[in-house]
Amino acid sequence: MWPIFKIHHQRSRYMFELFHKRKAISKELFDFCIMQGLADQNLISKWKKQGYENLCCLRCIQPRDTNFGTNCICRVPKDKLESGRVIECVHCGCRGCSG
């Protein structure tokens, strides 16, 4: 499942970078790509908020999808985890998107 999420993430990230960072495409083209489903509008809107710049998927921030009603393990900063511990999200396969 992770390869599908990864492709979706990369495609959305590419559109985000083109429009918001490099200003290489017009708003009309960006909106057209969103309407055609080439990029995830909700994920891109989260990337604009502080703390969510590297978010892997929207499921990882939904508390209803976890056992304890919190965010996913991939959202925990690496310095807060045990050293040498390898984590992987059960939803999308992310190995840490919090930075």
N, C-alpha and C. Protein backbone atom coordinates (compact mmCIF):
# COMPACT_ATOMS: atom_id res chain seq x y z
N MET A 1 0.81 -1.19 0.00
CA MET A 1 0.00 0.00 0.00
C MET A 1 0.86 1.27 0.00
N TRP A 2 2.00 1.21 0.69
CA TRP A 2 2.86 2.39 0.79
C TRP A 2 3.32 2.89 -0.57
N PRO A 3 3.65 2.04 -1.56
CA PRO A 3 4.05 2.60 -2.86
C PRO A 3 2.98 3.48 -3.50
N ILE A 4 1.72 3.15 -3.30
CA ILE A 4 0.63 3.97 -3.84
C ILE A 4 0.58 5.31 -3.12
N PHE A 5 0.66 5.29 -1.79
CA PHE A 5 0.69 6.53 -1.01
C PHE A 5 1.91 7.37 -1.39
N LYS A 6 3.01 6.71 -1.61
CA LYS A 6 4.25 7.41 -1.95
C LYS A 6 4.13 8.14 -3.28
N ILE A 7 3.55 7.50 -4.27
CA ILE A 7 3.35 8.14 -5.58
C ILE A 7 2.37 9.31 -5.45
N HIS A 8 1.29 9.11 -4.71
CA HIS A 8 0.31 10.17 -4.49
C HIS A 8 0.97 11.35 -3.78
N HIS A 9 1.77 11.07 -2.78
CA HIS A 9 2.47 12.11 -2.02
C HIS A 9 3.45 12.86 -2.92
N GLN A 10 4.22 12.14 -3.71
CA GLN A 10 5.22 12.77 -4.58
C GLN A 10 4.57 13.66 -5.63
N ARG A 11 3.47 13.19 -6.18
CA ARG A 11 2.78 13.97 -7.21
C ARG A 11 2.19 15.25 -6.59
N SER A 12 1.58 15.13 -5.43
CA SER A 12 1.02 16.30 -4.76
C SER A 12 2.13 17.25 -4.33
N ARG A 13 3.23 16.71 -3.83
CA ARG A 13 4.35 17.54 -3.39
C ARG A 13 4.95 18.30 -4.56
N TYR A 14 5.04 17.64 -5.72
CA TYR A 14 5.57 18.29 -6.92
C TYR A 14 4.71 19.48 -7.32
N MET A 15 3.39 19.30 -7.30
CA MET A 15 2.48 20.40 -7.63
C MET A 15 2.59 21.53 -6.60
N PHE A 16 2.70 21.16 -5.33
CA PHE A 16 2.86 22.15 -4.25
C PHE A 16 4.13 22.97 -4.46
N GLU A 17 5.22 22.29 -4.75
CA GLU A 17 6.50 22.98 -4.95
C GLU A 17 6.44 23.90 -6.17
N LEU A 18 5.84 23.43 -7.26
CA LEU A 18 5.74 24.24 -8.48
C LEU A 18 4.96 25.53 -8.24
N PHE A 19 3.86 25.42 -7.51
CA PHE A 19 3.00 26.59 -7.35
C PHE A 19 3.41 27.47 -6.18
N HIS A 20 3.60 26.88 -5.00
CA HIS A 20 3.83 27.68 -3.80
C HIS A 20 5.29 28.07 -3.59
N LYS A 21 6.20 27.24 -3.94
CA LYS A 21 7.62 27.53 -3.66
C LYS A 21 8.32 28.21 -4.84
N ARG A 22 8.25 27.58 -6.01
CA ARG A 22 8.99 28.10 -7.17
C ARG A 22 8.20 29.08 -8.02
N LYS A 23 6.89 29.14 -7.81
CA LYS A 23 6.01 30.03 -8.60
C LYS A 23 6.17 29.78 -10.10
N ALA A 24 6.28 28.50 -10.47
CA ALA A 24 6.54 28.13 -11.86
C ALA A 24 5.25 27.92 -12.67
N ILE A 25 4.11 27.75 -11.99
CA ILE A 25 2.86 27.56 -12.73
C ILE A 25 1.83 28.59 -12.24
N SER A 26 0.85 28.83 -13.08
CA SER A 26 -0.18 29.82 -12.74
C SER A 26 -1.23 29.21 -11.80
N LYS A 27 -1.99 30.07 -11.17
CA LYS A 27 -3.06 29.63 -10.28
C LYS A 27 -4.11 28.84 -11.06
N GLU A 28 -4.38 29.27 -12.28
CA GLU A 28 -5.37 28.56 -13.11
C GLU A 28 -4.94 27.14 -13.39
N LEU A 29 -3.66 26.95 -13.72
CA LEU A 29 -3.16 25.60 -13.99
C LEU A 29 -3.16 24.76 -12.72
N PHE A 30 -2.77 25.36 -11.62
CA PHE A 30 -2.77 24.66 -10.34
C PHE A 30 -4.20 24.21 -9.98
N ASP A 31 -5.16 25.11 -10.09
CA ASP A 31 -6.56 24.77 -9.80
C ASP A 31 -7.08 23.70 -10.74
N PHE A 32 -6.70 23.75 -12.01
CA PHE A 32 -7.11 22.73 -12.96
C PHE A 32 -6.57 21.37 -12.55
N CYS A 33 -5.32 21.31 -12.15
CA CYS A 33 -4.71 20.05 -11.72
C CYS A 33 -5.39 19.50 -10.47
N ILE A 34 -5.78 20.39 -9.56
CA ILE A 34 -6.50 19.96 -8.36
C ILE A 34 -7.86 19.39 -8.75
N MET A 35 -8.57 20.10 -9.63
CA MET A 35 -9.90 19.65 -10.05
C MET A 35 -9.85 18.32 -10.80
N GLN A 36 -8.77 18.07 -11.52
CA GLN A 36 -8.62 16.83 -12.26
C GLN A 36 -8.12 15.67 -11.39
N GLY A 37 -7.80 15.96 -10.15
CA GLY A 37 -7.36 14.91 -9.24
C GLY A 37 -5.88 14.57 -9.34
N LEU A 38 -5.11 15.45 -9.93
CA LEU A 38 -3.68 15.19 -10.07
C LEU A 38 -2.91 15.45 -8.77
N ALA A 39 -3.53 16.19 -7.86
CA ALA A 39 -2.90 16.48 -6.57
C ALA A 39 -3.99 16.54 -5.51
N ASP A 40 -3.63 16.29 -4.28
CA ASP A 40 -4.57 16.26 -3.16
C ASP A 40 -4.65 17.64 -2.52
N GLN A 41 -5.78 18.29 -2.68
CA GLN A 41 -5.95 19.65 -2.18
C GLN A 41 -5.87 19.71 -0.66
N ASN A 42 -6.44 18.74 0.02
CA ASN A 42 -6.43 18.74 1.48
C ASN A 42 -5.02 18.55 2.03
N LEU A 43 -4.25 17.68 1.42
CA LEU A 43 -2.87 17.46 1.85
C LEU A 43 -2.02 18.71 1.60
N ILE A 44 -2.22 19.32 0.46
CA ILE A 44 -1.47 20.55 0.14
C ILE A 44 -1.83 21.67 1.12
N SER A 45 -3.09 21.77 1.50
CA SER A 45 -3.48 22.82 2.45
C SER A 45 -2.84 22.58 3.82
N LYS A 46 -2.64 21.32 4.21
CA LYS A 46 -1.95 21.04 5.47
C LYS A 46 -0.48 21.40 5.38
N TRP A 47 0.16 21.18 4.24
CA TRP A 47 1.58 21.49 4.07
C TRP A 47 1.85 22.98 4.27
N LYS A 48 0.86 23.83 4.06
CA LYS A 48 1.04 25.26 4.24
C LYS A 48 1.05 25.67 5.70
N LYS A 49 0.60 24.79 6.60
CA LYS A 49 0.52 25.11 8.03
C LYS A 49 1.79 24.70 8.75
N GLN A 50 2.15 25.48 9.76
CA GLN A 50 3.36 25.19 10.52
C GLN A 50 3.22 23.87 11.27
N GLY A 51 4.25 23.04 11.18
CA GLY A 51 4.25 21.75 11.84
C GLY A 51 3.80 20.61 10.95
N TYR A 52 3.22 20.93 9.81
CA TYR A 52 2.73 19.90 8.90
C TYR A 52 3.46 19.95 7.54
N GLU A 53 4.61 20.60 7.50
CA GLU A 53 5.31 20.79 6.23
C GLU A 53 5.72 19.48 5.56
N ASN A 54 5.95 18.43 6.35
CA ASN A 54 6.41 17.15 5.81
C ASN A 54 5.39 16.04 5.99
N LEU A 55 4.14 16.38 6.20
CA LEU A 55 3.10 15.38 6.46
C LEU A 55 3.02 14.37 5.33
N CYS A 56 2.95 13.08 5.69
CA CYS A 56 2.94 12.02 4.67
C CYS A 56 1.53 11.79 4.11
N CYS A 57 0.55 11.74 4.98
CA CYS A 57 -0.83 11.54 4.53
C CYS A 57 -1.78 12.09 5.59
N LEU A 58 -3.02 12.30 5.23
CA LEU A 58 -3.99 12.88 6.15
C LEU A 58 -4.45 11.90 7.22
N ARG A 59 -4.34 10.62 6.94
CA ARG A 59 -4.77 9.62 7.91
C ARG A 59 -3.91 9.63 9.16
N CYS A 60 -2.68 10.06 9.03
CA CYS A 60 -1.76 10.05 10.17
C CYS A 60 -2.04 11.15 11.19
N ILE A 61 -2.89 12.09 10.86
CA ILE A 61 -3.23 13.14 11.83
C ILE A 61 -4.67 13.02 12.31
N GLN A 62 -5.36 11.95 11.92
CA GLN A 62 -6.73 11.74 12.36
C GLN A 62 -6.74 10.84 13.60
N PRO A 63 -7.10 11.39 14.75
CA PRO A 63 -7.05 10.61 15.98
C PRO A 63 -8.01 9.42 16.00
N ARG A 64 -9.05 9.44 15.22
CA ARG A 64 -10.01 8.33 15.25
C ARG A 64 -9.44 7.04 14.67
N ASP A 65 -8.34 7.13 13.90
CA ASP A 65 -7.76 5.95 13.28
C ASP A 65 -6.67 5.29 14.12
N THR A 66 -6.45 5.77 15.34
CA THR A 66 -5.41 5.19 16.19
C THR A 66 -6.03 4.54 17.42
N ASN A 67 -5.27 3.70 18.07
CA ASN A 67 -5.77 2.97 19.24
C ASN A 67 -6.04 3.87 20.44
N PHE A 68 -5.23 4.89 20.62
CA PHE A 68 -5.32 5.71 21.82
C PHE A 68 -5.90 7.10 21.56
N GLY A 69 -6.41 7.35 20.37
CA GLY A 69 -7.01 8.65 20.06
C GLY A 69 -6.00 9.76 19.92
N THR A 70 -4.81 9.44 19.45
CA THR A 70 -3.75 10.43 19.24
C THR A 70 -3.30 10.37 17.80
N ASN A 71 -2.24 11.10 17.48
CA ASN A 71 -1.69 11.04 16.13
C ASN A 71 -0.90 9.75 15.94
N CYS A 72 -0.55 9.49 14.70
CA CYS A 72 0.19 8.29 14.33
C CYS A 72 1.63 8.35 14.86
N ILE A 73 2.27 7.20 14.99
CA ILE A 73 3.64 7.12 15.49
C ILE A 73 4.62 7.85 14.58
N CYS A 74 4.33 7.95 13.30
CA CYS A 74 5.25 8.63 12.38
C CYS A 74 5.28 10.14 12.62
N ARG A 75 4.32 10.68 13.39
CA ARG A 75 4.28 12.11 13.70
C ARG A 75 5.09 12.45 14.95
N VAL A 76 5.61 11.45 15.64
CA VAL A 76 6.43 11.69 16.83
C VAL A 76 7.84 12.06 16.37
N PRO A 77 8.39 13.17 16.86
CA PRO A 77 9.76 13.54 16.46
C PRO A 77 10.77 12.46 16.80
N LYS A 78 11.75 12.28 15.93
CA LYS A 78 12.74 11.21 16.10
C LYS A 78 13.53 11.35 17.40
N ASP A 79 13.76 12.58 17.85
CA ASP A 79 14.52 12.76 19.08
C ASP A 79 13.71 12.37 20.33
N LYS A 80 12.41 12.20 20.20
CA LYS A 80 11.57 11.78 21.32
C LYS A 80 11.44 10.25 21.40
N LEU A 81 11.88 9.54 20.37
CA LEU A 81 11.80 8.08 20.34
C LEU A 81 13.09 7.47 20.89
N GLU A 82 13.01 6.19 21.23
CA GLU A 82 14.20 5.47 21.69
C GLU A 82 15.22 5.44 20.56
N SER A 83 16.47 5.56 20.92
CA SER A 83 17.52 5.54 19.89
C SER A 83 17.60 4.16 19.25
N GLY A 84 17.73 4.14 17.96
CA GLY A 84 17.83 2.89 17.22
C GLY A 84 16.50 2.22 16.92
N ARG A 85 15.41 2.80 17.36
CA ARG A 85 14.09 2.22 17.11
C ARG A 85 13.62 2.58 15.70
N VAL A 86 13.23 1.59 14.96
CA VAL A 86 12.71 1.81 13.61
C VAL A 86 11.19 1.80 13.70
N ILE A 87 10.58 2.89 13.25
CA ILE A 87 9.13 2.98 13.29
C ILE A 87 8.58 2.94 11.86
N GLU A 88 7.35 2.50 11.75
CA GLU A 88 6.68 2.51 10.46
C GLU A 88 5.18 2.63 10.71
N CYS A 89 4.57 3.54 10.01
CA CYS A 89 3.14 3.78 10.14
C CYS A 89 2.36 2.56 9.63
N VAL A 90 1.32 2.17 10.36
CA VAL A 90 0.51 1.03 9.93
C VAL A 90 -0.44 1.40 8.81
N HIS A 91 -0.71 2.70 8.64
CA HIS A 91 -1.65 3.15 7.60
C HIS A 91 -0.99 3.29 6.24
N CYS A 92 0.16 3.97 6.22
CA CYS A 92 0.76 4.30 4.92
C CYS A 92 2.21 3.85 4.76
N GLY A 93 2.85 3.37 5.82
CA GLY A 93 4.21 2.88 5.70
C GLY A 93 5.28 3.94 5.93
N CYS A 94 4.87 5.14 6.31
CA CYS A 94 5.82 6.23 6.54
C CYS A 94 6.74 5.86 7.69
N ARG A 95 7.99 6.29 7.60
CA ARG A 95 8.97 6.01 8.65
C ARG A 95 9.34 7.25 9.44
N GLY A 96 8.50 8.23 9.42
CA GLY A 96 8.72 9.44 10.21
C GLY A 96 8.65 10.70 9.38
N CYS A 97 7.53 11.41 9.49
CA CYS A 97 7.36 12.62 8.70
C CYS A 97 7.33 13.87 9.56
N SER A 98 7.62 13.71 10.85
CA SER A 98 7.55 14.88 11.73
C SER A 98 8.84 15.68 11.74
N GLY A 99 9.90 15.12 11.24
CA GLY A 99 11.16 15.87 11.17
C GLY A 99 12.17 15.45 12.18
